Amino acid sequence: MAFLTGGLRAGWWGGGWWGGGLITRLPLIAGFVLAFTARYPRDLFDLLVGLDRWVLRVAACASP
């Protein structure tokens, strides 16, 4: 879960800009696609919403 939310800072890429998770990177990629095509990718939107829901469900289950 830390990889998805950005909690993995000293991981594979040594931190920095690439230290964030998928939920940080995918909207940036979608922003570039939006800037050049004027369309937000529907599949990427569905993936991001699904990841956000999953992270919130896991956080709710893991909290005491």
Protein backbone atom coordinates (compact mmCIF):
# COMPACT_ATOMS: atom_id res chain seq x y z
CA MET A 1 0.00 0.00 0.00
CA ALA A 2 2.90 2.37 0.65
CA PHE A 3 3.95 2.13 -2.99
CA LEU A 4 0.49 3.23 -4.14
CA THR A 5 0.15 6.13 -1.72
CA GLY A 6 3.70 7.45 -1.94
CA GLY A 7 4.96 6.22 1.42
CA LEU A 8 7.89 4.41 -0.16
CA ARG A 9 10.52 7.17 -0.20
CA ALA A 10 13.83 5.31 -0.18
CA GLY A 11 12.66 2.59 -2.51
CA TRP A 12 13.70 1.59 -5.99
CA TRP A 13 14.33 5.10 -7.28
CA GLY A 14 16.04 6.55 -4.22
CA GLY A 15 13.33 9.06 -3.36
CA GLY A 16 13.00 12.41 -5.02
CA TRP A 17 10.32 13.05 -7.63
CA TRP A 18 10.05 9.35 -8.47
CA GLY A 19 9.67 8.49 -4.78
CA GLY A 20 5.89 8.95 -4.92
CA GLY A 21 3.42 6.18 -5.59
CA LEU A 22 1.22 5.38 -8.53
CA ILE A 23 -1.51 7.66 -7.22
CA THR A 24 0.99 10.52 -7.51
CA ARG A 25 2.38 9.62 -10.93
CA LEU A 26 -0.70 8.61 -12.87
CA PRO A 27 -2.49 11.99 -12.60
CA LEU A 28 0.69 13.66 -13.83
CA ILE A 29 0.73 11.35 -16.83
CA ALA A 30 -2.97 12.05 -17.39
CA GLY A 31 -2.24 15.78 -17.23
CA PHE A 32 0.31 15.49 -20.02
CA VAL A 33 -2.11 13.42 -22.10
CA LEU A 34 -4.84 15.99 -21.44
CA ALA A 35 -2.56 18.84 -22.49
CA PHE A 36 -1.77 17.24 -25.83
CA THR A 37 -5.02 15.48 -26.74
CA ALA A 38 -7.66 17.57 -24.87
CA ARG A 39 -9.18 14.33 -23.53
CA TYR A 40 -8.75 12.74 -20.12
CA PRO A 41 -8.16 9.00 -20.64
CA ARG A 42 -11.25 7.17 -19.36
CA ASP A 43 -9.35 3.97 -18.53
CA LEU A 44 -6.79 5.92 -16.53
CA PHE A 45 -9.58 7.72 -14.67
CA ASP A 46 -11.22 4.39 -13.81
CA LEU A 47 -7.87 3.02 -12.62
CA LEU A 48 -7.22 6.03 -10.39
CA VAL A 49 -10.69 5.93 -8.85
CA GLY A 50 -10.30 2.20 -8.23
CA LEU A 51 -6.90 2.66 -6.60
CA ASP A 52 -8.22 5.48 -4.39
CA ARG A 53 -11.17 3.35 -3.30
CA TRP A 54 -8.90 0.40 -2.56
CA VAL A 55 -6.49 2.51 -0.47
CA LEU A 56 -9.39 3.98 1.52
CA ARG A 57 -10.88 0.52 2.13
CA VAL A 58 -7.55 -0.86 3.34
CA ALA A 59 -6.99 2.17 5.56
CA ALA A 60 -10.47 1.78 7.05
CA CYS A 61 -9.92 -1.91 7.74
CA ALA A 62 -6.45 -1.37 9.17
CA SER A 63 -7.42 1.43 11.53
CA PRO A 64 -8.36 0.38 15.06
